Amino acid sequence: MKTQKLNDLEKKKLIKEILGENHNATGNNYPLFSALIDGLSDINDVLTVAELLPSLNSFLTGATASTVVSTASFVGILLFPVAQLINVINAYQIGHRMYSYRCIAYIVTAWAFGRTAPTGSARILSNINTGPIQKRHAATMEYNKIWRDTSISVGQKLNAILVQKKIPKEHLQAIFRVLGGNQPDKLCLALLTQFENEFDSNTRNIWKSNYAVRFPH
């Protein structure tokens, strides 16, 4: 059942009560804390504000002002440590990169909702194989390997974040779920959009055209 949302003054008071004087929920970070509080008031989540705010605060420790912009870009902050994998992925051709980025979005989404990690995107592979230039079997094997390797890297990165930031797994999972609207397809889409700036104008349009392919297909 929905509860009445707190106003900004009430939220800031609550944040201060929970985190104390030395909290990070000021300036550009505040929209994330605000969105988390609003999200928890909208859904029936077992975890409470008192549990999740400290974990979000720990997660944001070290985040720079340039990475924390607004509620609309919250996923960018959450994905930032995982997106460092891009430096490795950039060695691949554009199709490989797109598939790897999609893998990151799918694996993080599945992880956040406690689902089995997808082993690939059947729809994207089908589109590739039925395109103007049909791909050879070896190319499909390449895409499968890219997904497999990326999936392993994402899992390792998420586990490293939990250890480094000393955050319980269920807390970070809940933060992703709540800030993603508690809907897997919405969270996944938000994750996918964070990679738009990795492409030039032409390839960006191709990337965005595949937003119609929804998680986990």
N, C-alpha and C. Protein backbone atom coordinates (compact mmCIF):
# COMPACT_ATOMS: atom_id res chain seq x y z
N MET A 1 0.84 -1.19 0.00
CA MET A 1 0.00 0.00 0.00
C MET A 1 0.88 1.25 0.00
N LYS A 2 0.54 2.23 -0.82
CA LYS A 2 1.32 3.45 -0.90
C LYS A 2 1.17 4.28 0.37
N THR A 3 2.25 4.93 0.73
CA THR A 3 2.20 5.86 1.84
C THR A 3 2.48 7.25 1.32
N GLN A 4 2.13 8.24 2.12
CA GLN A 4 2.33 9.62 1.69
C GLN A 4 3.83 9.92 1.58
N LYS A 5 4.21 10.55 0.48
CA LYS A 5 5.62 10.87 0.27
C LYS A 5 6.05 12.02 1.18
N LEU A 6 7.29 11.96 1.61
CA LEU A 6 7.86 13.03 2.41
C LEU A 6 8.27 14.17 1.50
N ASN A 7 8.22 15.39 2.04
CA ASN A 7 8.73 16.52 1.25
C ASN A 7 10.25 16.59 1.45
N ASP A 8 10.91 17.49 0.72
CA ASP A 8 12.37 17.56 0.76
C ASP A 8 12.90 17.84 2.17
N LEU A 9 12.21 18.70 2.88
CA LEU A 9 12.66 19.05 4.23
C LEU A 9 12.62 17.83 5.14
N GLU A 10 11.52 17.07 5.02
CA GLU A 10 11.37 15.86 5.83
C GLU A 10 12.39 14.79 5.44
N LYS A 11 12.65 14.69 4.14
CA LYS A 11 13.64 13.71 3.69
C LYS A 11 15.02 14.04 4.22
N LYS A 12 15.40 15.31 4.11
CA LYS A 12 16.73 15.71 4.57
C LYS A 12 16.88 15.52 6.07
N LYS A 13 15.82 15.74 6.81
CA LYS A 13 15.86 15.51 8.25
C LYS A 13 16.03 14.02 8.54
N LEU A 14 15.30 13.20 7.79
CA LEU A 14 15.39 11.74 7.96
C LEU A 14 16.80 11.24 7.62
N ILE A 15 17.34 11.74 6.52
CA ILE A 15 18.69 11.35 6.10
C ILE A 15 19.71 11.71 7.16
N LYS A 16 19.58 12.91 7.71
CA LYS A 16 20.52 13.37 8.72
C LYS A 16 20.41 12.53 9.98
N GLU A 17 19.18 12.16 10.35
CA GLU A 17 18.97 11.33 11.54
C GLU A 17 19.60 9.96 11.38
N ILE A 18 19.53 9.42 10.16
CA ILE A 18 20.03 8.06 9.92
C ILE A 18 21.54 8.05 9.72
N LEU A 19 22.03 9.02 8.96
CA LEU A 19 23.45 9.01 8.59
C LEU A 19 24.34 9.86 9.49
N GLY A 20 23.73 10.77 10.24
CA GLY A 20 24.53 11.63 11.09
C GLY A 20 25.08 12.83 10.33
N GLU A 21 25.96 13.56 10.98
CA GLU A 21 26.47 14.81 10.42
C GLU A 21 27.36 14.59 9.20
N ASN A 22 28.10 13.49 9.19
CA ASN A 22 29.07 13.27 8.12
C ASN A 22 28.50 12.45 6.98
N HIS A 23 27.32 12.80 6.53
CA HIS A 23 26.71 12.05 5.44
C HIS A 23 27.07 12.68 4.10
N ASN A 24 26.88 11.88 3.03
CA ASN A 24 27.19 12.35 1.68
C ASN A 24 25.95 12.86 0.94
N ALA A 25 24.80 12.80 1.61
CA ALA A 25 23.54 13.13 0.93
C ALA A 25 23.33 14.63 0.82
N THR A 26 24.28 15.31 0.25
CA THR A 26 24.17 16.75 0.04
C THR A 26 24.49 17.06 -1.41
N GLY A 27 24.11 18.26 -1.82
CA GLY A 27 24.44 18.69 -3.18
C GLY A 27 23.91 17.74 -4.23
N ASN A 28 24.80 17.36 -5.15
CA ASN A 28 24.38 16.54 -6.28
C ASN A 28 23.99 15.12 -5.91
N ASN A 29 24.36 14.66 -4.73
CA ASN A 29 23.98 13.30 -4.31
C ASN A 29 22.53 13.20 -3.85
N TYR A 30 21.98 14.29 -3.40
CA TYR A 30 20.66 14.24 -2.77
C TYR A 30 19.57 13.59 -3.62
N PRO A 31 19.49 13.87 -4.93
CA PRO A 31 18.41 13.26 -5.72
C PRO A 31 18.36 11.74 -5.63
N LEU A 32 19.52 11.10 -5.49
CA LEU A 32 19.54 9.64 -5.36
C LEU A 32 18.90 9.19 -4.06
N PHE A 33 19.24 9.86 -2.97
CA PHE A 33 18.66 9.52 -1.68
C PHE A 33 17.16 9.79 -1.68
N SER A 34 16.78 10.89 -2.29
CA SER A 34 15.37 11.25 -2.38
C SER A 34 14.59 10.21 -3.17
N ALA A 35 15.16 9.80 -4.31
CA ALA A 35 14.49 8.80 -5.15
C ALA A 35 14.36 7.46 -4.43
N LEU A 36 15.39 7.11 -3.66
CA LEU A 36 15.34 5.85 -2.92
C LEU A 36 14.24 5.89 -1.86
N ILE A 37 14.14 6.99 -1.15
CA ILE A 37 13.09 7.14 -0.13
C ILE A 37 11.71 7.07 -0.79
N ASP A 38 11.54 7.77 -1.91
CA ASP A 38 10.26 7.75 -2.62
C ASP A 38 9.94 6.34 -3.10
N GLY A 39 10.94 5.64 -3.63
CA GLY A 39 10.72 4.30 -4.15
C GLY A 39 10.32 3.34 -3.05
N LEU A 40 10.93 3.46 -1.89
CA LEU A 40 10.60 2.57 -0.78
C LEU A 40 9.20 2.85 -0.24
N SER A 41 8.71 4.07 -0.41
CA SER A 41 7.36 4.39 0.05
C SER A 41 6.31 3.90 -0.95
N ASP A 42 6.76 3.60 -2.18
CA ASP A 42 5.83 3.18 -3.22
C ASP A 42 5.69 1.66 -3.33
N ILE A 43 6.66 0.92 -2.82
CA ILE A 43 6.60 -0.53 -2.95
C ILE A 43 6.72 -1.19 -1.59
N ASN A 44 6.29 -2.42 -1.54
CA ASN A 44 6.36 -3.18 -0.31
C ASN A 44 7.70 -3.91 -0.27
N ASP A 45 8.71 -3.23 0.25
CA ASP A 45 10.05 -3.79 0.30
C ASP A 45 10.37 -4.19 1.74
N VAL A 46 10.96 -5.36 1.90
CA VAL A 46 11.29 -5.86 3.23
C VAL A 46 12.34 -4.96 3.88
N LEU A 47 13.29 -4.50 3.08
CA LEU A 47 14.34 -3.64 3.61
C LEU A 47 13.82 -2.22 3.81
N THR A 48 14.30 -1.57 4.84
CA THR A 48 13.79 -0.25 5.20
C THR A 48 14.76 0.86 4.81
N VAL A 49 14.26 2.09 4.90
CA VAL A 49 15.08 3.27 4.63
C VAL A 49 16.30 3.27 5.55
N ALA A 50 16.10 2.92 6.80
CA ALA A 50 17.20 2.94 7.78
C ALA A 50 18.30 1.95 7.41
N GLU A 51 17.95 0.88 6.69
CA GLU A 51 18.95 -0.10 6.27
C GLU A 51 19.63 0.31 4.97
N LEU A 52 18.85 0.84 4.03
CA LEU A 52 19.39 1.10 2.70
C LEU A 52 20.13 2.43 2.55
N LEU A 53 19.72 3.45 3.29
CA LEU A 53 20.42 4.74 3.17
C LEU A 53 21.91 4.63 3.51
N PRO A 54 22.27 3.95 4.62
CA PRO A 54 23.71 3.82 4.90
C PRO A 54 24.46 3.07 3.81
N SER A 55 23.82 2.07 3.21
CA SER A 55 24.47 1.31 2.14
C SER A 55 24.64 2.17 0.89
N LEU A 56 23.63 2.97 0.56
CA LEU A 56 23.75 3.87 -0.58
C LEU A 56 24.83 4.91 -0.31
N ASN A 57 24.89 5.38 0.93
CA ASN A 57 25.91 6.36 1.30
C ASN A 57 27.31 5.75 1.13
N SER A 58 27.48 4.51 1.54
CA SER A 58 28.77 3.83 1.40
C SER A 58 29.12 3.64 -0.07
N PHE A 59 28.10 3.30 -0.86
CA PHE A 59 28.33 3.08 -2.28
C PHE A 59 28.80 4.36 -2.96
N LEU A 60 28.25 5.50 -2.56
CA LEU A 60 28.57 6.76 -3.20
C LEU A 60 29.87 7.38 -2.71
N THR A 61 30.43 6.82 -1.66
CA THR A 61 31.69 7.35 -1.15
C THR A 61 32.74 7.30 -2.24
N GLY A 62 33.32 8.46 -2.53
CA GLY A 62 34.33 8.52 -3.58
C GLY A 62 33.77 8.94 -4.92
N ALA A 63 32.44 8.97 -5.06
CA ALA A 63 31.85 9.41 -6.33
C ALA A 63 32.10 10.90 -6.50
N THR A 64 32.47 11.31 -7.69
CA THR A 64 32.75 12.72 -7.93
C THR A 64 31.49 13.45 -8.32
N ALA A 65 31.51 14.75 -8.18
CA ALA A 65 30.34 15.58 -8.51
C ALA A 65 29.95 15.40 -9.98
N SER A 66 30.94 15.14 -10.83
CA SER A 66 30.63 15.02 -12.25
C SER A 66 29.86 13.76 -12.58
N THR A 67 29.95 12.74 -11.70
CA THR A 67 29.22 11.51 -11.97
C THR A 67 27.83 11.52 -11.35
N VAL A 68 27.59 12.41 -10.40
CA VAL A 68 26.29 12.47 -9.74
C VAL A 68 25.58 13.73 -10.21
N VAL A 69 24.61 13.55 -11.09
CA VAL A 69 23.99 14.71 -11.73
C VAL A 69 22.55 14.91 -11.30
N SER A 70 21.72 13.90 -11.49
CA SER A 70 20.30 14.05 -11.19
C SER A 70 19.69 12.68 -11.01
N THR A 71 18.42 12.68 -10.58
CA THR A 71 17.72 11.42 -10.42
C THR A 71 17.68 10.66 -11.74
N ALA A 72 17.53 11.40 -12.83
CA ALA A 72 17.41 10.76 -14.14
C ALA A 72 18.65 9.98 -14.52
N SER A 73 19.79 10.37 -13.98
CA SER A 73 21.03 9.68 -14.35
C SER A 73 21.56 8.81 -13.21
N PHE A 74 20.69 8.44 -12.27
CA PHE A 74 21.14 7.65 -11.13
C PHE A 74 21.81 6.36 -11.55
N VAL A 75 21.31 5.76 -12.63
CA VAL A 75 21.87 4.48 -13.06
C VAL A 75 23.32 4.65 -13.47
N GLY A 76 23.66 5.82 -13.98
CA GLY A 76 25.04 6.07 -14.35
C GLY A 76 25.97 5.94 -13.16
N ILE A 77 25.52 6.42 -12.01
CA ILE A 77 26.33 6.34 -10.81
C ILE A 77 26.40 4.90 -10.33
N LEU A 78 25.27 4.21 -10.34
CA LEU A 78 25.25 2.82 -9.90
C LEU A 78 26.06 1.92 -10.81
N LEU A 79 26.02 2.24 -12.11
CA LEU A 79 26.71 1.39 -13.08
C LEU A 79 28.18 1.75 -13.21
N PHE A 80 28.56 2.93 -12.73
CA PHE A 80 29.91 3.44 -13.00
C PHE A 80 31.03 2.44 -12.69
N PRO A 81 31.04 1.80 -11.52
CA PRO A 81 32.14 0.85 -11.25
C PRO A 81 32.13 -0.33 -12.21
N VAL A 82 30.94 -0.78 -12.60
CA VAL A 82 30.84 -1.91 -13.53
C VAL A 82 31.25 -1.47 -14.93
N ALA A 83 30.91 -0.24 -15.29
CA ALA A 83 31.18 0.26 -16.64
C ALA A 83 32.66 0.46 -16.90
N GLN A 84 33.49 0.36 -15.86
CA GLN A 84 34.93 0.44 -16.07
C GLN A 84 35.41 -0.72 -16.94
N LEU A 85 34.56 -1.75 -17.07
CA LEU A 85 34.88 -2.87 -17.95
C LEU A 85 34.95 -2.42 -19.40
N ILE A 86 34.37 -1.26 -19.70
CA ILE A 86 34.35 -0.76 -21.06
C ILE A 86 35.77 -0.64 -21.62
N ASN A 87 36.72 -0.30 -20.77
CA ASN A 87 38.09 -0.15 -21.23
C ASN A 87 38.62 -1.43 -21.87
N VAL A 88 38.13 -2.55 -21.41
CA VAL A 88 38.54 -3.83 -21.98
C VAL A 88 37.72 -4.12 -23.23
N ILE A 89 36.44 -3.81 -23.16
CA ILE A 89 35.53 -4.14 -24.25
C ILE A 89 35.84 -3.35 -25.51
N ASN A 90 36.40 -2.16 -25.37
CA ASN A 90 36.65 -1.30 -26.52
C ASN A 90 37.54 -1.93 -27.59
N ALA A 91 38.24 -2.99 -27.23
CA ALA A 91 39.12 -3.64 -28.20
C ALA A 91 38.32 -4.38 -29.27
N TYR A 92 37.05 -4.67 -29.00
CA TYR A 92 36.24 -5.42 -29.94
C TYR A 92 35.62 -4.53 -31.01
N GLN A 93 35.17 -5.13 -32.08
CA GLN A 93 34.46 -4.40 -33.12
C GLN A 93 33.13 -3.91 -32.56
N ILE A 94 32.49 -2.99 -33.29
CA ILE A 94 31.29 -2.32 -32.77
C ILE A 94 30.18 -3.29 -32.41
N GLY A 95 29.96 -4.33 -33.24
CA GLY A 95 28.92 -5.30 -32.93
C GLY A 95 29.21 -6.05 -31.64
N HIS A 96 30.48 -6.37 -31.44
CA HIS A 96 30.88 -7.05 -30.22
C HIS A 96 30.66 -6.15 -29.00
N ARG A 97 31.03 -4.89 -29.15
CA ARG A 97 30.85 -3.95 -28.04
C ARG A 97 29.38 -3.82 -27.66
N MET A 98 28.53 -3.69 -28.67
CA MET A 98 27.09 -3.57 -28.39
C MET A 98 26.57 -4.79 -27.63
N TYR A 99 27.03 -5.95 -28.05
CA TYR A 99 26.55 -7.18 -27.41
C TYR A 99 27.08 -7.26 -25.98
N SER A 100 28.31 -6.81 -25.79
CA SER A 100 28.90 -6.83 -24.46
C SER A 100 28.21 -5.85 -23.52
N TYR A 101 27.89 -4.66 -24.03
CA TYR A 101 27.18 -3.67 -23.22
C TYR A 101 25.79 -4.20 -22.83
N ARG A 102 25.14 -4.84 -23.77
CA ARG A 102 23.82 -5.41 -23.46
C ARG A 102 23.97 -6.48 -22.39
N CYS A 103 25.03 -7.25 -22.49
CA CYS A 103 25.28 -8.27 -21.48
C CYS A 103 25.41 -7.64 -20.10
N ILE A 104 26.16 -6.54 -20.00
CA ILE A 104 26.31 -5.87 -18.71
C ILE A 104 24.94 -5.49 -18.15
N ALA A 105 24.10 -4.89 -18.98
CA ALA A 105 22.77 -4.47 -18.53
C ALA A 105 21.93 -5.66 -18.09
N TYR A 106 21.98 -6.76 -18.84
CA TYR A 106 21.19 -7.94 -18.51
C TYR A 106 21.68 -8.61 -17.22
N ILE A 107 23.00 -8.73 -17.09
CA ILE A 107 23.55 -9.43 -15.93
C ILE A 107 23.28 -8.64 -14.65
N VAL A 108 23.47 -7.31 -14.71
CA VAL A 108 23.20 -6.47 -13.54
C VAL A 108 21.72 -6.54 -13.16
N THR A 109 20.85 -6.51 -14.16
CA THR A 109 19.40 -6.58 -13.90
C THR A 109 19.04 -7.92 -13.26
N ALA A 110 19.52 -9.00 -13.83
CA ALA A 110 19.23 -10.32 -13.29
C ALA A 110 19.75 -10.43 -11.86
N TRP A 111 20.95 -9.92 -11.63
CA TRP A 111 21.56 -9.95 -10.30
C TRP A 111 20.71 -9.16 -9.30
N ALA A 112 20.25 -8.00 -9.70
CA ALA A 112 19.47 -7.15 -8.79
C ALA A 112 18.17 -7.82 -8.38
N PHE A 113 17.58 -8.58 -9.28
CA PHE A 113 16.29 -9.21 -9.00
C PHE A 113 16.41 -10.68 -8.61
N GLY A 114 17.64 -11.13 -8.38
CA GLY A 114 17.85 -12.50 -7.93
C GLY A 114 17.46 -13.55 -8.95
N ARG A 115 17.58 -13.21 -10.23
CA ARG A 115 17.22 -14.14 -11.29
C ARG A 115 18.46 -14.84 -11.85
N THR A 116 18.24 -15.95 -12.53
CA THR A 116 19.33 -16.65 -13.18
C THR A 116 19.92 -15.75 -14.27
N ALA A 117 21.22 -15.67 -14.31
CA ALA A 117 21.88 -14.80 -15.30
C ALA A 117 21.61 -15.30 -16.71
N PRO A 118 21.11 -14.45 -17.61
CA PRO A 118 20.88 -14.86 -19.00
C PRO A 118 22.20 -15.27 -19.65
N THR A 119 22.15 -16.27 -20.52
CA THR A 119 23.35 -16.74 -21.20
C THR A 119 23.53 -16.10 -22.57
N GLY A 120 22.66 -15.15 -22.89
CA GLY A 120 22.76 -14.44 -24.16
C GLY A 120 21.45 -13.76 -24.47
N SER A 121 21.42 -13.03 -25.57
CA SER A 121 20.19 -12.39 -26.05
C SER A 121 19.80 -13.07 -27.35
N ALA A 122 18.84 -13.98 -27.28
CA ALA A 122 18.43 -14.74 -28.46
C ALA A 122 17.91 -13.82 -29.55
N ARG A 123 17.21 -12.75 -29.16
CA ARG A 123 16.63 -11.84 -30.14
C ARG A 123 17.72 -11.08 -30.90
N ILE A 124 18.72 -10.59 -30.18
CA ILE A 124 19.80 -9.86 -30.83
C ILE A 124 20.60 -10.78 -31.74
N LEU A 125 20.88 -11.98 -31.29
CA LEU A 125 21.62 -12.94 -32.12
C LEU A 125 20.83 -13.30 -33.37
N SER A 126 19.51 -13.42 -33.21
CA SER A 126 18.66 -13.72 -34.36
C SER A 126 18.70 -12.58 -35.36
N ASN A 127 18.66 -11.35 -34.85
CA ASN A 127 18.74 -10.18 -35.74
C ASN A 127 20.06 -10.15 -36.50
N ILE A 128 21.12 -10.52 -35.81
CA ILE A 128 22.44 -10.54 -36.44
C ILE A 128 22.50 -11.59 -37.54
N ASN A 129 21.98 -12.76 -37.25
CA ASN A 129 22.08 -13.89 -38.19
C ASN A 129 21.13 -13.79 -39.37
N THR A 130 20.10 -12.95 -39.24
CA THR A 130 19.15 -12.82 -40.35
C THR A 130 19.28 -11.47 -41.05
N GLY A 131 20.35 -10.74 -40.75
CA GLY A 131 20.57 -9.43 -41.35
C GLY A 131 20.97 -9.55 -42.80
N PRO A 132 21.25 -8.41 -43.45
CA PRO A 132 21.63 -8.38 -44.87
C PRO A 132 22.83 -9.29 -45.16
N ILE A 133 23.78 -9.32 -44.20
CA ILE A 133 24.95 -10.20 -44.36
C ILE A 133 24.90 -11.24 -43.25
N GLN A 134 24.49 -12.43 -43.61
CA GLN A 134 24.34 -13.47 -42.60
C GLN A 134 25.71 -13.83 -42.02
N LYS A 135 25.73 -13.99 -40.72
CA LYS A 135 26.98 -14.27 -40.03
C LYS A 135 27.31 -15.77 -40.08
N ARG A 136 28.57 -16.06 -40.21
CA ARG A 136 29.00 -17.45 -40.20
C ARG A 136 28.88 -18.02 -38.80
N HIS A 137 28.89 -19.32 -38.69
CA HIS A 137 28.75 -19.99 -37.40
C HIS A 137 29.84 -19.54 -36.43
N ALA A 138 31.06 -19.37 -36.95
CA ALA A 138 32.17 -18.95 -36.10
C ALA A 138 31.89 -17.59 -35.45
N ALA A 139 31.20 -16.71 -36.18
CA ALA A 139 30.88 -15.39 -35.63
C ALA A 139 29.92 -15.53 -34.46
N THR A 140 28.93 -16.43 -34.59
CA THR A 140 28.00 -16.66 -33.49
C THR A 140 28.75 -17.16 -32.26
N MET A 141 29.72 -18.02 -32.49
CA MET A 141 30.53 -18.53 -31.39
C MET A 141 31.30 -17.38 -30.73
N GLU A 142 31.75 -16.42 -31.53
CA GLU A 142 32.46 -15.26 -30.99
C GLU A 142 31.54 -14.46 -30.07
N TYR A 143 30.31 -14.23 -30.52
CA TYR A 143 29.35 -13.48 -29.71
C TYR A 143 29.04 -14.22 -28.41
N ASN A 144 28.92 -15.53 -28.49
CA ASN A 144 28.66 -16.32 -27.29
C ASN A 144 29.81 -16.19 -26.29
N LYS A 145 31.03 -16.19 -26.81
CA LYS A 145 32.21 -16.06 -25.93
C LYS A 145 32.26 -14.68 -25.31
N ILE A 146 31.95 -13.65 -26.09
CA ILE A 146 31.94 -12.28 -25.57
C ILE A 146 30.95 -12.16 -24.43
N TRP A 147 29.77 -12.73 -24.61
CA TRP A 147 28.75 -12.69 -23.55
C TRP A 147 29.24 -13.42 -22.31
N ARG A 148 29.82 -14.59 -22.52
CA ARG A 148 30.29 -15.41 -21.41
C ARG A 148 31.38 -14.68 -20.63
N ASP A 149 32.36 -14.12 -21.35
CA ASP A 149 33.46 -13.42 -20.69
C ASP A 149 32.98 -12.17 -19.97
N THR A 150 32.08 -11.42 -20.61
CA THR A 150 31.54 -10.21 -19.98
C THR A 150 30.74 -10.54 -18.73
N SER A 151 29.94 -11.59 -18.83
CA SER A 151 29.11 -12.02 -17.70
C SER A 151 29.98 -12.35 -16.48
N ILE A 152 31.06 -13.06 -16.72
CA ILE A 152 31.97 -13.42 -15.62
C ILE A 152 32.59 -12.16 -15.02
N SER A 153 33.02 -11.23 -15.88
CA SER A 153 33.64 -9.99 -15.42
C SER A 153 32.67 -9.15 -14.59
N VAL A 154 31.43 -9.06 -15.04
CA VAL A 154 30.42 -8.29 -14.30
C VAL A 154 30.17 -8.90 -12.93
N GLY A 155 30.04 -10.21 -12.89
CA GLY A 155 29.83 -10.89 -11.61
C GLY A 155 30.98 -10.64 -10.64
N GLN A 156 32.20 -10.70 -11.15
CA GLN A 156 33.37 -10.45 -10.31
C GLN A 156 33.40 -9.00 -9.83
N LYS A 157 33.03 -8.08 -10.72
CA LYS A 157 33.04 -6.67 -10.36
C LYS A 157 32.00 -6.36 -9.29
N LEU A 158 30.82 -6.91 -9.43
CA LEU A 158 29.77 -6.69 -8.43
C LEU A 158 30.19 -7.22 -7.07
N ASN A 159 30.80 -8.41 -7.06
CA ASN A 159 31.27 -8.98 -5.79
C ASN A 159 32.37 -8.13 -5.18
N ALA A 160 33.24 -7.59 -6.03
CA ALA A 160 34.33 -6.73 -5.54
C ALA A 160 33.78 -5.45 -4.92
N ILE A 161 32.73 -4.90 -5.54
CA ILE A 161 32.11 -3.68 -5.02
C ILE A 161 31.55 -3.93 -3.62
N LEU A 162 30.89 -5.07 -3.44
CA LEU A 162 30.31 -5.40 -2.14
C LEU A 162 31.39 -5.48 -1.06
N VAL A 163 32.52 -6.08 -1.42
CA VAL A 163 33.61 -6.23 -0.46
C VAL A 163 34.27 -4.89 -0.17
N GLN A 164 34.58 -4.14 -1.24
CA GLN A 164 35.28 -2.87 -1.09
C GLN A 164 34.45 -1.84 -0.31
N LYS A 165 33.16 -1.81 -0.60
CA LYS A 165 32.28 -0.83 0.03
C LYS A 165 31.63 -1.34 1.32
N LYS A 166 31.86 -2.63 1.61
CA LYS A 166 31.28 -3.26 2.80
C LYS A 166 29.76 -3.12 2.84
N ILE A 167 29.16 -3.47 1.72
CA ILE A 167 27.70 -3.38 1.58
C ILE A 167 27.12 -4.79 1.48
N PRO A 168 26.08 -5.12 2.25
CA PRO A 168 25.43 -6.42 2.10
C PRO A 168 24.86 -6.57 0.70
N LYS A 169 24.98 -7.74 0.13
CA LYS A 169 24.51 -7.98 -1.23
C LYS A 169 23.04 -7.60 -1.40
N GLU A 170 22.21 -8.01 -0.43
CA GLU A 170 20.77 -7.75 -0.56
C GLU A 170 20.46 -6.25 -0.52
N HIS A 171 21.33 -5.47 0.11
CA HIS A 171 21.11 -4.03 0.15
C HIS A 171 21.36 -3.40 -1.22
N LEU A 172 22.49 -3.75 -1.86
CA LEU A 172 22.78 -3.17 -3.17
C LEU A 172 21.78 -3.66 -4.20
N GLN A 173 21.37 -4.91 -4.09
CA GLN A 173 20.33 -5.43 -5.00
C GLN A 173 19.05 -4.61 -4.86
N ALA A 174 18.66 -4.33 -3.62
CA ALA A 174 17.43 -3.57 -3.37
C ALA A 174 17.56 -2.14 -3.89
N ILE A 175 18.74 -1.54 -3.74
CA ILE A 175 18.94 -0.18 -4.23
C ILE A 175 18.75 -0.13 -5.74
N PHE A 176 19.34 -1.09 -6.46
CA PHE A 176 19.14 -1.16 -7.91
C PHE A 176 17.66 -1.34 -8.25
N ARG A 177 17.00 -2.25 -7.52
CA ARG A 177 15.59 -2.53 -7.83
C ARG A 177 14.72 -1.30 -7.60
N VAL A 178 14.88 -0.68 -6.44
CA VAL A 178 14.04 0.46 -6.09
C VAL A 178 14.26 1.62 -7.04
N LEU A 179 15.54 1.97 -7.29
CA LEU A 179 15.82 3.09 -8.17
C LEU A 179 15.51 2.77 -9.62
N GLY A 180 15.33 1.48 -9.92
CA GLY A 180 14.93 1.07 -11.27
C GLY A 180 13.44 0.90 -11.40
N GLY A 181 12.68 1.42 -10.43
CA GLY A 181 11.22 1.34 -10.51
C GLY A 181 10.67 -0.03 -10.14
N ASN A 182 11.52 -0.89 -9.56
CA ASN A 182 11.13 -2.24 -9.15
C ASN A 182 10.59 -3.07 -10.31
N GLN A 183 11.02 -2.74 -11.53
CA GLN A 183 10.62 -3.51 -12.71
C GLN A 183 11.87 -3.85 -13.52
N PRO A 184 12.13 -5.14 -13.75
CA PRO A 184 13.35 -5.54 -14.46
C PRO A 184 13.54 -4.87 -15.81
N ASP A 185 12.47 -4.78 -16.61
CA ASP A 185 12.64 -4.20 -17.94
C ASP A 185 12.98 -2.71 -17.87
N LYS A 186 12.44 -2.01 -16.87
CA LYS A 186 12.74 -0.59 -16.71
C LYS A 186 14.19 -0.39 -16.25
N LEU A 187 14.63 -1.21 -15.31
CA LEU A 187 16.01 -1.11 -14.86
C LEU A 187 16.97 -1.43 -16.00
N CYS A 188 16.67 -2.47 -16.75
CA CYS A 188 17.53 -2.86 -17.86
C CYS A 188 17.62 -1.75 -18.91
N LEU A 189 16.48 -1.15 -19.23
CA LEU A 189 16.48 -0.06 -20.21
C LEU A 189 17.30 1.12 -19.70
N ALA A 190 17.16 1.43 -18.42
CA ALA A 190 17.93 2.53 -17.85
C ALA A 190 19.42 2.24 -17.93
N LEU A 191 19.79 0.98 -17.74
CA LEU A 191 21.19 0.59 -17.85
C LEU A 191 21.68 0.71 -19.29
N LEU A 192 20.86 0.27 -20.22
CA LEU A 192 21.24 0.33 -21.64
C LEU A 192 21.49 1.77 -22.10
N THR A 193 20.66 2.68 -21.63
CA THR A 193 20.80 4.07 -22.07
C THR A 193 22.11 4.70 -21.62
N GLN A 194 22.71 4.13 -20.58
CA GLN A 194 23.95 4.70 -20.06
C GLN A 194 25.13 4.52 -21.01
N PHE A 195 24.97 3.65 -22.02
CA PHE A 195 26.06 3.40 -22.95
C PHE A 195 25.96 4.23 -24.23
N GLU A 196 24.94 5.07 -24.33
CA GLU A 196 24.72 5.81 -25.57
C GLU A 196 25.94 6.65 -25.99
N ASN A 197 26.61 7.24 -25.02
CA ASN A 197 27.74 8.11 -25.35
C ASN A 197 28.99 7.34 -25.79
N GLU A 198 28.90 6.02 -25.76
CA GLU A 198 30.03 5.21 -26.22
C GLU A 198 30.04 5.06 -27.74
N PHE A 199 29.01 5.60 -28.42
CA PHE A 199 28.88 5.44 -29.86
C PHE A 199 28.86 6.79 -30.57
N ASP A 200 29.23 6.78 -31.86
CA ASP A 200 29.07 7.98 -32.66
C ASP A 200 27.60 8.08 -33.07
N SER A 201 27.24 9.15 -33.76
CA SER A 201 25.81 9.41 -34.05
C SER A 201 25.15 8.28 -34.85
N ASN A 202 25.87 7.70 -35.79
CA ASN A 202 25.28 6.64 -36.62
C ASN A 202 25.07 5.35 -35.83
N THR A 203 26.12 4.91 -35.14
CA THR A 203 26.00 3.67 -34.38
C THR A 203 25.10 3.84 -33.17
N ARG A 204 25.01 5.09 -32.65
CA ARG A 204 24.11 5.34 -31.52
C ARG A 204 22.66 5.08 -31.92
N ASN A 205 22.29 5.45 -33.13
CA ASN A 205 20.93 5.20 -33.60
C ASN A 205 20.64 3.70 -33.70
N ILE A 206 21.63 2.94 -34.13
CA ILE A 206 21.46 1.48 -34.18
C ILE A 206 21.29 0.94 -32.77
N TRP A 207 22.13 1.41 -31.86
CA TRP A 207 22.04 0.98 -30.46
C TRP A 207 20.66 1.28 -29.87
N LYS A 208 20.17 2.48 -30.08
CA LYS A 208 18.88 2.89 -29.53
C LYS A 208 17.72 2.14 -30.18
N SER A 209 17.88 1.76 -31.44
CA SER A 209 16.81 1.04 -32.13
C SER A 209 16.55 -0.32 -31.49
N ASN A 210 17.56 -0.85 -30.82
CA ASN A 210 17.41 -2.16 -30.18
C ASN A 210 16.86 -2.08 -28.76
N TYR A 211 16.48 -0.86 -28.32
CA TYR A 211 15.82 -0.75 -27.03
C TYR A 211 14.48 -1.49 -27.04
N ALA A 212 13.96 -1.71 -28.24
CA ALA A 212 12.68 -2.43 -28.36
C ALA A 212 12.82 -3.87 -27.91
N VAL A 213 14.05 -4.39 -27.92
CA VAL A 213 14.30 -5.74 -27.43
C VAL A 213 14.39 -5.66 -25.91
N ARG A 214 13.38 -6.18 -25.24
CA ARG A 214 13.28 -6.01 -23.80
C ARG A 214 13.91 -7.18 -23.04
N PHE A 215 14.43 -6.89 -21.88
CA PHE A 215 14.97 -7.90 -20.98
C PHE A 215 13.89 -8.94 -20.69
N PRO A 216 14.23 -10.23 -20.72
CA PRO A 216 15.55 -10.86 -20.91
C PRO A 216 15.70 -11.46 -22.31
N HIS A 217 15.02 -10.93 -23.32
CA HIS A 217 15.00 -11.56 -24.64
C HIS A 217 16.27 -11.29 -25.44
